[in-house]
PDB file of N, CA and C in Angstrom:
ATOM      1  N   UNK A   1     104.839 165.071 141.444  1.00  0.00           N
ATOM      2  CA  UNK A   1     106.245 164.989 141.824  1.00  0.00           C
ATOM      3  C   UNK A   1     106.537 166.197 142.475  1.00  0.00           C
ATOM      4  N   UNK A   2     107.479 166.208 143.515  1.00  0.00           N
ATOM      5  CA  UNK A   2     107.828 167.319 144.273  1.00  0.00           C
ATOM      6  C   UNK A   2     109.221 167.816 143.981  1.00  0.00           C
ATOM      7  N   UNK A   3     109.224 169.201 143.758  1.00  0.00           N
ATOM      8  CA  UNK A   3     110.636 169.793 143.576  1.00  0.00           C
ATOM      9  C   UNK A   3     110.644 170.828 144.629  1.00  0.00           C
ATOM     10  N   UNK A   4     111.909 171.331 144.967  1.00  0.00           N
ATOM     11  CA  UNK A   4     112.259 172.293 145.823  1.00  0.00           C
ATOM     12  C   UNK A   4     112.719 173.571 145.035  1.00  0.00           C
ATOM     13  N   UNK A   5     112.003 174.775 145.387  1.00  0.00           N
ATOM     14  CA  UNK A   5     112.348 175.928 144.907  1.00  0.00           C
ATOM     15  C   UNK A   5     113.119 176.777 146.042  1.00  0.00           C
ATOM     16  N   UNK A   6     114.373 177.222 145.791  1.00  0.00           N
ATOM     17  CA  UNK A   6     115.147 178.079 146.736  1.00  0.00           C
ATOM     18  C   UNK A   6     114.868 179.543 146.499  1.00  0.00           C
ATOM     19  N   UNK A   7     114.397 180.091 147.499  1.00  0.00           N
ATOM     20  CA  UNK A   7     114.190 181.521 147.596  1.00  0.00           C
ATOM     21  C   UNK A   7     115.303 182.275 147.925  1.00  0.00           C
ATOM     22  N   UNK A   8     115.756 183.384 147.267  1.00  0.00           N
ATOM     23  CA  UNK A   8     116.850 184.138 147.685  1.00  0.00           C
ATOM     24  C   UNK A   8     116.504 185.162 148.846  1.00  0.00           C
ATOM     25  N   UNK A   9     117.577 185.262 149.579  1.00  0.00           N
ATOM     26  CA  UNK A   9     117.291 186.045 150.876  1.00  0.00           C
ATOM     27  C   UNK A   9     116.412 187.494 150.586  1.00  0.00           C
ATOM     28  N   UNK A  10     116.749 188.119 149.447  1.00  0.00           N
ATOM     29  CA  UNK A  10     116.185 189.300 149.195  1.00  0.00           C
ATOM     30  C   UNK A  10     114.661 189.152 149.075  1.00  0.00           C
ATOM     31  N   UNK A  11     114.179 188.000 148.841  1.00  0.00           N
ATOM     32  CA  UNK A  11     112.840 187.670 148.653  1.00  0.00           C
ATOM     33  C   UNK A  11     112.070 186.829 149.657  1.00  0.00           C
ATOM     34  N   UNK A  12     112.735 186.361 150.744  1.00  0.00           N
ATOM     35  CA  UNK A  12     112.039 185.537 151.617  1.00  0.00           C
ATOM     36  C   UNK A  12     110.994 186.410 152.430  1.00  0.00           C
ATOM     37  N   UNK A  13     111.122 187.661 152.615  1.00  0.00           N
ATOM     38  CA  UNK A  13     109.936 188.388 153.164  1.00  0.00           C
ATOM     39  C   UNK A  13     108.664 188.263 152.550  1.00  0.00           C
ATOM     40  N   UNK A  14     108.585 187.801 151.231  1.00  0.00           N
ATOM     41  CA  UNK A  14     107.512 187.705 150.382  1.00  0.00           C
ATOM     42  C   UNK A  14     107.105 186.144 150.390  1.00  0.00           C
ATOM     43  N   UNK A  15     107.747 185.271 151.099  1.00  0.00           N
ATOM     44  CA  UNK A  15     107.429 183.918 151.005  1.00  0.00           C
ATOM     45  C   UNK A  15     107.325 183.357 152.670  1.00  0.00           C
ATOM     46  N   UNK A  16     106.715 184.388 153.451  1.00  0.00           N
ATOM     47  CA  UNK A  16     106.564 183.981 154.883  1.00  0.00           C
ATOM     48  C   UNK A  16     107.992 183.427 155.516  1.00  0.00           C
ATOM     49  N   UNK A  17     109.034 184.157 155.075  1.00  0.00           N
ATOM     50  CA  UNK A  17     110.362 183.627 155.591  1.00  0.00           C
ATOM     51  C   UNK A  17     110.867 182.366 155.336  1.00  0.00           C
ATOM     52  N   UNK A  18     110.371 181.694 154.260  1.00  0.00           N
ATOM     53  CA  UNK A  18     110.506 180.287 153.935  1.00  0.00           C
ATOM     54  C   UNK A  18     111.671 180.445 152.802  1.00  0.00           C
ATOM     55  N   UNK A  19     112.762 179.906 152.951  1.00  0.00           N
ATOM     56  CA  UNK A  19     113.879 179.999 151.979  1.00  0.00           C
ATOM     57  C   UNK A  19     113.937 178.851 151.063  1.00  0.00           C
ATOM     58  N   UNK A  20     113.226 177.802 151.417  1.00  0.00           N
ATOM     59  CA  UNK A  20     113.096 176.417 150.506  1.00  0.00           C
ATOM     60  C   UNK A  20     111.500 176.139 150.620  1.00  0.00           C
ATOM     61  N   UNK A  21     111.109 175.985 149.416  1.00  0.00           N
ATOM     62  CA  UNK A  21     109.592 175.638 149.431  1.00  0.00           C
ATOM     63  C   UNK A  21     109.440 174.431 148.381  1.00  0.00           C
ATOM     64  N   UNK A  22     108.814 173.378 148.915  1.00  0.00           N
ATOM     65  CA  UNK A  22     108.490 172.223 148.107  1.00  0.00           C
ATOM     66  C   UNK A  22     107.152 172.393 147.344  1.00  0.00           C
ATOM     67  N   UNK A  23     107.160 172.202 146.129  1.00  0.00           N
ATOM     68  CA  UNK A  23     105.952 172.372 145.333  1.00  0.00           C
ATOM     69  C   UNK A  23     105.861 171.203 144.376  1.00  0.00           C
ATOM     70  N   UNK A  24     104.634 171.055 143.760  1.00  0.00           N
ATOM     71  CA  UNK A  24     104.541 169.893 142.680  1.00  0.00           C
ATOM     72  C   UNK A  24     104.487 170.613 141.393  1.00  0.00           C
ATOM     73  N   UNK A  25     104.642 169.700 140.342  1.00  0.00           N
ATOM     74  CA  UNK A  25     104.565 170.205 138.911  1.00  0.00           C
ATOM     75  C   UNK A  25     105.410 169.402 138.072  1.00  0.00           C
ATOM     76  N   UNK A  26     105.121 169.278 136.786  1.00  0.00           N
ATOM     77  CA  UNK A  26     105.873 168.610 135.861  1.00  0.00           C
ATOM     78  C   UNK A  26     106.862 169.392 135.004  1.00  0.00           C
ATOM     79  N   UNK A  27     106.648 170.763 135.075  1.00  0.00           N
ATOM     80  CA  UNK A  27     107.368 171.645 134.297  1.00  0.00           C
ATOM     81  C   UNK A  27     107.944 172.750 135.377  1.00  0.00           C
ATOM     82  N   UNK A  28     108.944 173.529 134.941  1.00  0.00           N
ATOM     83  CA  UNK A  28     109.407 174.621 135.708  1.00  0.00           C
ATOM     84  C   UNK A  28     108.087 175.586 135.841  1.00  0.00           C
ATOM     85  N   UNK A  29     107.417 175.851 134.779  1.00  0.00           N
ATOM     86  CA  UNK A  29     106.375 176.796 134.779  1.00  0.00           C
ATOM     87  C   UNK A  29     105.192 176.393 135.738  1.00  0.00           C
ATOM     88  N   UNK A  30     104.908 174.970 135.721  1.00  0.00           N
ATOM     89  CA  UNK A  30     103.877 174.400 136.783  1.00  0.00           C
ATOM     90  C   UNK A  30     104.258 174.598 138.110  1.00  0.00           C
ATOM     91  N   UNK A  31     105.562 174.309 138.439  1.00  0.00           N
ATOM     92  CA  UNK A  31     106.140 174.444 139.806  1.00  0.00           C
ATOM     93  C   UNK A  31     106.061 175.944 140.161  1.00  0.00           C
ATOM     94  N   UNK A  32     106.307 176.844 139.428  1.00  0.00           N
ATOM     95  CA  UNK A  32     106.177 178.206 139.727  1.00  0.00           C
ATOM     96  C   UNK A  32     104.699 178.690 139.867  1.00  0.00           C
ATOM     97  N   UNK A  33     103.811 178.054 139.134  1.00  0.00           N
ATOM     98  CA  UNK A  33     102.309 178.309 139.213  1.00  0.00           C
ATOM     99  C   UNK A  33     102.038 177.769 140.687  1.00  0.00           C
ATOM    100  N   UNK A  34     102.399 176.632 141.071  1.00  0.00           N
ATOM    101  CA  UNK A  34     102.091 176.164 142.344  1.00  0.00           C
ATOM    102  C   UNK A  34     102.758 177.093 143.374  1.00  0.00           C
ATOM    103  N   UNK A  35     103.910 177.452 143.313  1.00  0.00           N
ATOM    104  CA  UNK A  35     104.494 178.408 144.170  1.00  0.00           C
ATOM    105  C   UNK A  35     103.804 179.612 144.438  1.00  0.00           C
ATOM    106  N   UNK A  36     103.362 180.146 143.412  1.00  0.00           N
ATOM    107  CA  UNK A  36     102.639 181.402 143.562  1.00  0.00           C
ATOM    108  C   UNK A  36     101.323 181.279 144.094  1.00  0.00           C
ATOM    109  N   UNK A  37     100.803 180.044 143.935  1.00  0.00           N
ATOM    110  CA  UNK A  37      99.380 179.723 144.671  1.00  0.00           C
ATOM    111  C   UNK A  37      99.583 179.803 146.158  1.00  0.00           C
ATOM    112  N   UNK A  38     100.884 179.521 146.576  1.00  0.00           N
ATOM    113  CA  UNK A  38     100.919 179.569 148.126  1.00  0.00           C
ATOM    114  C   UNK A  38     101.583 180.890 148.464  1.00  0.00           C
ATOM    115  N   UNK A  39     102.285 181.531 147.646  1.00  0.00           N
ATOM    116  CA  UNK A  39     102.927 182.846 148.040  1.00  0.00           C
ATOM    117  C   UNK A  39     102.784 183.906 146.882  1.00  0.00           C
ATOM    118  N   UNK A  40     101.589 184.353 146.710  1.00  0.00           N
ATOM    119  CA  UNK A  40     101.205 185.197 145.673  1.00  0.00           C
ATOM    120  C   UNK A  40     102.072 186.460 145.658  1.00  0.00           C
ATOM    121  N   UNK A  41     102.671 186.921 146.861  1.00  0.00           N
ATOM    122  CA  UNK A  41     103.457 188.164 147.095  1.00  0.00           C
ATOM    123  C   UNK A  41     104.713 188.128 146.168  1.00  0.00           C
ATOM    124  N   UNK A  42     105.282 186.871 145.864  1.00  0.00           N
ATOM    125  CA  UNK A  42     106.358 186.817 144.979  1.00  0.00           C
ATOM    126  C   UNK A  42     106.204 187.174 143.595  1.00  0.00           C
ATOM    127  N   UNK A  43     104.942 187.099 143.052  1.00  0.00           N
ATOM    128  CA  UNK A  43     104.662 187.354 141.655  1.00  0.00           C
ATOM    129  C   UNK A  43     105.254 188.486 141.069  1.00  0.00           C
ATOM    130  N   UNK A  44     104.938 189.676 141.682  1.00  0.00           N
ATOM    131  CA  UNK A  44     105.508 190.959 141.074  1.00  0.00           C
ATOM    132  C   UNK A  44     106.982 191.089 141.086  1.00  0.00           C
ATOM    133  N   UNK A  45     107.741 190.291 141.937  1.00  0.00           N
ATOM    134  CA  UNK A  45     109.010 190.375 141.991  1.00  0.00           C
ATOM    135  C   UNK A  45     109.722 189.381 140.985  1.00  0.00           C
ATOM    136  N   UNK A  46     108.905 188.329 140.586  1.00  0.00           N
ATOM    137  CA  UNK A  46     109.593 187.489 139.638  1.00  0.00           C
ATOM    138  C   UNK A  46     109.193 187.505 138.243  1.00  0.00           C
ATOM    139  N   UNK A  47     107.874 188.075 137.969  1.00  0.00           N
ATOM    140  CA  UNK A  47     107.332 188.045 136.697  1.00  0.00           C
ATOM    141  C   UNK A  47     106.886 189.384 136.077  1.00  0.00           C
ATOM    142  N   UNK A  48     107.072 189.632 134.934  1.00  0.00           N
ATOM    143  CA  UNK A  48     106.495 190.667 134.096  1.00  0.00           C
ATOM    144  C   UNK A  48     104.914 190.473 134.130  1.00  0.00           C
ATOM    145  N   UNK A  49     104.171 191.614 133.597  1.00  0.00           N
ATOM    146  CA  UNK A  49     102.791 191.505 133.561  1.00  0.00           C
ATOM    147  C   UNK A  49     102.436 190.309 132.365  1.00  0.00           C
ATOM    148  N   UNK A  50     103.432 190.159 131.578  1.00  0.00           N
ATOM    149  CA  UNK A  50     103.198 189.268 130.323  1.00  0.00           C
ATOM    150  C   UNK A  50     103.353 187.825 130.771  1.00  0.00           C
ATOM    151  N   UNK A  51     103.808 187.568 132.093  1.00  0.00           N
ATOM    152  CA  UNK A  51     103.975 186.225 132.432  1.00  0.00           C
ATOM    153  C   UNK A  51     105.443 185.737 132.378  1.00  0.00           C
ATOM    154  N   UNK A  52     106.278 186.446 131.690  1.00  0.00           N
ATOM    155  CA  UNK A  52     107.680 186.118 131.534  1.00  0.00           C
ATOM    156  C   UNK A  52     108.453 186.373 132.729  1.00  0.00           C
ATOM    157  N   UNK A  53     109.452 185.686 133.077  1.00  0.00           N
ATOM    158  CA  UNK A  53     110.359 186.094 134.183  1.00  0.00           C
ATOM    159  C   UNK A  53     110.908 187.444 133.927  1.00  0.00           C
ATOM    160  N   UNK A  54     111.160 188.278 134.976  1.00  0.00           N
ATOM    161  CA  UNK A  54     111.593 189.601 134.808  1.00  0.00           C
ATOM    162  C   UNK A  54     113.094 189.339 134.303  1.00  0.00           C
ATOM    163  N   UNK A  55     113.667 190.289 133.614  1.00  0.00           N
ATOM    164  CA  UNK A  55     115.029 190.182 132.941  1.00  0.00           C
ATOM    165  C   UNK A  55     116.079 189.912 133.941  1.00  0.00           C
ATOM    166  N   UNK A  56     115.966 190.544 135.098  1.00  0.00           N
ATOM    167  CA  UNK A  56     117.045 190.310 136.252  1.00  0.00           C
ATOM    168  C   UNK A  56     116.819 189.052 136.896  1.00  0.00           C
ATOM    169  N   UNK A  57     115.838 188.189 136.757  1.00  0.00           N
ATOM    170  CA  UNK A  57     115.553 186.977 137.451  1.00  0.00           C
ATOM    171  C   UNK A  57     116.216 185.804 136.743  1.00  0.00           C
ATOM    172  N   UNK A  58     116.997 185.118 137.294  1.00  0.00           N
ATOM    173  CA  UNK A  58     117.740 183.976 136.724  1.00  0.00           C
ATOM    174  C   UNK A  58     117.146 182.646 137.307  1.00  0.00           C
ATOM    175  N   UNK A  59     116.744 181.773 136.630  1.00  0.00           N
ATOM    176  CA  UNK A  59     116.331 180.532 137.104  1.00  0.00           C
ATOM    177  C   UNK A  59     117.116 179.239 136.710  1.00  0.00           C
ATOM    178  N   UNK A  60     117.543 178.545 137.728  1.00  0.00           N
ATOM    179  CA  UNK A  60     118.399 177.384 137.381  1.00  0.00           C
ATOM    180  C   UNK A  60     117.536 176.014 137.879  1.00  0.00           C
ATOM    181  N   UNK A  61     117.741 175.100 137.081  1.00  0.00           N
ATOM    182  CA  UNK A  61     117.278 173.773 137.309  1.00  0.00           C
ATOM    183  C   UNK A  61     118.433 172.765 137.558  1.00  0.00           C
ATOM    184  N   UNK A  62     118.734 172.404 138.716  1.00  0.00           N
ATOM    185  CA  UNK A  62     119.763 171.608 139.042  1.00  0.00           C
ATOM    186  C   UNK A  62     121.175 172.184 138.427  1.00  0.00           C
ATOM    187  N   UNK A  63     121.373 173.423 138.551  1.00  0.00           N
ATOM    188  CA  UNK A  63     122.532 174.268 138.188  1.00  0.00           C
ATOM    189  C   UNK A  63     122.538 174.552 136.641  1.00  0.00           C
ATOM    190  N   UNK A  64     121.544 174.204 135.884  1.00  0.00           N
ATOM    191  CA  UNK A  64     121.501 174.501 134.628  1.00  0.00           C
ATOM    192  C   UNK A  64     120.457 175.685 134.413  1.00  0.00           C
ATOM    193  N   UNK A  65     120.809 176.746 133.537  1.00  0.00           N
ATOM    194  CA  UNK A  65     120.050 177.944 133.349  1.00  0.00           C
ATOM    195  C   UNK A  65     118.868 177.523 132.424  1.00  0.00           C
ATOM    196  N   UNK A  66     117.649 177.700 132.906  1.00  0.00           N
ATOM    197  CA  UNK A  66     116.384 177.228 132.210  1.00  0.00           C
ATOM    198  C   UNK A  66     116.282 177.945 130.809  1.00  0.00           C
ATOM    199  N   UNK A  67     117.064 179.203 130.637  1.00  0.00           N
ATOM    200  CA  UNK A  67     117.061 179.826 129.310  1.00  0.00           C
ATOM    201  C   UNK A  67     117.792 179.006 128.253  1.00  0.00           C
ATOM    202  N   UNK A  68     118.725 178.149 128.747  1.00  0.00           N
ATOM    203  CA  UNK A  68     119.548 177.262 127.823  1.00  0.00           C
ATOM    204  C   UNK A  68     118.831 175.954 127.675  1.00  0.00           C
ATOM    205  N   UNK A  69     117.741 175.672 128.342  1.00  0.00           N
ATOM    206  CA  UNK A  69     116.895 174.440 128.273  1.00  0.00           C
ATOM    207  C   UNK A  69     115.692 174.909 127.471  1.00  0.00           C
ATOM    208  N   UNK A  70     114.441 174.581 128.125  1.00  0.00           N
ATOM    209  CA  UNK A  70     113.172 174.933 127.476  1.00  0.00           C
ATOM    210  C   UNK A  70     112.451 175.958 128.194  1.00  0.00           C
ATOM    211  N   UNK A  71     113.135 176.881 128.896  1.00  0.00           N
ATOM    212  CA  UNK A  71     112.468 177.872 129.686  1.00  0.00           C
ATOM    213  C   UNK A  71     111.411 177.279 130.675  1.00  0.00           C
ATOM    214  N   UNK A  72     110.075 178.099 130.671  1.00  0.00           N
ATOM    215  CA  UNK A  72     109.092 177.490 131.664  1.00  0.00           C
ATOM    216  C   UNK A  72     108.645 176.187 131.254  1.00  0.00           C
ATOM    217  N   UNK A  73     108.881 175.757 129.921  1.00  0.00           N
ATOM    218  CA  UNK A  73     108.485 174.250 129.568  1.00  0.00           C
ATOM    219  C   UNK A  73     109.477 173.193 130.000  1.00  0.00           C
ATOM    220  N   UNK A  74     110.505 173.550 130.677  1.00  0.00           N
ATOM    221  CA  UNK A  74     111.548 172.623 130.901  1.00  0.00           C
ATOM    222  C   UNK A  74     110.882 171.490 131.882  1.00  0.00           C
ATOM    223  N   UNK A  75     110.994 170.231 131.527  1.00  0.00           N
ATOM    224  CA  UNK A  75     110.391 169.265 132.464  1.00  0.00           C
ATOM    225  C   UNK A  75     111.273 169.117 133.782  1.00  0.00           C
ATOM    226  N   UNK A  76     110.551 168.928 134.808  1.00  0.00           N
ATOM    227  CA  UNK A  76     111.182 168.571 136.100  1.00  0.00           C
ATOM    228  C   UNK A  76     110.884 167.213 136.621  1.00  0.00           C
ATOM    229  N   UNK A  77     111.755 166.677 137.557  1.00  0.00           N
ATOM    230  CA  UNK A  77     111.618 165.418 138.081  1.00  0.00           C
ATOM    231  C   UNK A  77     111.558 165.486 139.511  1.00  0.00           C
ATOM    232  N   UNK A  78     111.064 164.419 140.245  1.00  0.00           N
ATOM    233  CA  UNK A  78     110.832 164.445 141.557  1.00  0.00           C
ATOM    234  C   UNK A  78     112.282 164.524 142.279  1.00  0.00           C
ATOM    235  N   UNK A  79     112.334 165.533 143.131  1.00  0.00           N
ATOM    236  CA  UNK A  79     113.643 165.763 143.848  1.00  0.00           C
ATOM    237  C   UNK A  79     114.516 166.891 143.318  1.00  0.00           C
ATOM    238  N   UNK A  80     114.102 167.370 142.089  1.00  0.00           N
ATOM    239  CA  UNK A  80     114.857 168.452 141.437  1.00  0.00           C
ATOM    240  C   UNK A  80     114.977 169.561 142.308  1.00  0.00           C
ATOM    241  N   UNK A  81     116.006 170.541 141.994  1.00  0.00           N
ATOM    242  CA  UNK A  81     116.078 171.762 142.782  1.00  0.00           C
ATOM    243  C   UNK A  81     116.218 173.000 141.696  1.00  0.00           C
ATOM    244  N   UNK A  82     115.163 173.933 142.007  1.00  0.00           N
ATOM    245  CA  UNK A  82     115.183 174.983 141.110  1.00  0.00           C
ATOM    246  C   UNK A  82     115.478 176.220 142.039  1.00  0.00           C
ATOM    247  N   UNK A  83     116.542 177.033 141.472  1.00  0.00           N
ATOM    248  CA  UNK A  83     117.036 178.141 142.274  1.00  0.00           C
ATOM    249  C   UNK A  83     116.761 179.431 141.465  1.00  0.00           C
ATOM    250  N   UNK A  84     116.328 180.336 142.269  1.00  0.00           N
ATOM    251  CA  UNK A  84     116.008 181.760 141.780  1.00  0.00           C
ATOM    252  C   UNK A  84     117.270 182.558 142.160  1.00  0.00           C
ATOM    253  N   UNK A  85     117.926 183.056 141.032  1.00  0.00           N
ATOM    254  CA  UNK A  85     119.074 183.982 141.437  1.00  0.00           C
ATOM    255  C   UNK A  85     118.979 185.418 140.709  1.00  0.00           C
ATOM    256  N   UNK A  86     118.595 186.381 141.655  1.00  0.00           N
ATOM    257  CA  UNK A  86     118.400 187.586 141.075  1.00  0.00           C
ATOM    258  C   UNK A  86     119.815 188.167 140.644  1.00  0.00           C
ATOM    259  N   UNK A  87     119.745 189.067 139.446  1.00  0.00           N
ATOM    260  CA  UNK A  87     120.931 189.610 139.115  1.00  0.00           C
ATOM    261  C   UNK A  87     121.235 190.823 140.061  1.00  0.00           C
ATOM    262  N   UNK A  88     122.549 191.087 140.229  1.00  0.00           N
ATOM    263  CA  UNK A  88     122.888 192.271 141.117  1.00  0.00           C
ATOM    264  C   UNK A  88     123.833 193.185 140.224  1.00  0.00           C
ATOM    265  N   UNK A  89     123.551 194.483 140.246  1.00  0.00           N
ATOM    266  CA  UNK A  89     124.232 195.461 139.459  1.00  0.00           C
ATOM    267  C   UNK A  89     124.918 196.488 140.373  1.00  0.00           C
ATOM    268  N   UNK A  90     125.861 196.857 139.909  1.00  0.00           N
ATOM    269  CA  UNK A  90     126.684 197.909 140.804  1.00  0.00           C
ATOM    270  C   UNK A  90     128.019 198.183 140.127  1.00  0.00           C
ATOM    271  N   UNK A  91     128.645 198.981 140.798  1.00  0.00           N
ATOM    272  CA  UNK A  91     130.077 199.438 140.232  1.00  0.00           C
ATOM    273  C   UNK A  91     130.322 200.859 140.594  1.00  0.00           C
ATOM    274  N   UNK A  92     131.355 201.308 140.058  1.00  0.00           N
ATOM    275  CA  UNK A  92     131.953 202.673 140.349  1.00  0.00           C
ATOM    276  C   UNK A  92     131.217 203.621 139.387  1.00  0.00           C
ATOM    277  N   UNK A  93     130.912 204.759 139.804  1.00  0.00           N
ATOM    278  CA  UNK A  93     130.549 205.815 139.005  1.00  0.00           C
ATOM    279  C   UNK A  93     131.417 207.018 138.798  1.00  0.00           C
TER     280      UNK A  93
END
């Protein structure tokens, strides 16, 4: 089954300037494994050495935060949309 992963503008330079990538997989984790097979340069920007998503990387499946679902084990269906949303920090000092 094919799902689409949206790449944020801050990371498209690591995905050959593609901002939407179709991948296969039955879970969010499998979809990301297939994404990294095509675009290995994204790995260090999305994942810790342990394989967990970096704390500032938020992942949504059809607008639902996967942390509120089953994380990497969340099942996906054909046509689903996975969005990568990096946290942005800032403010006054």
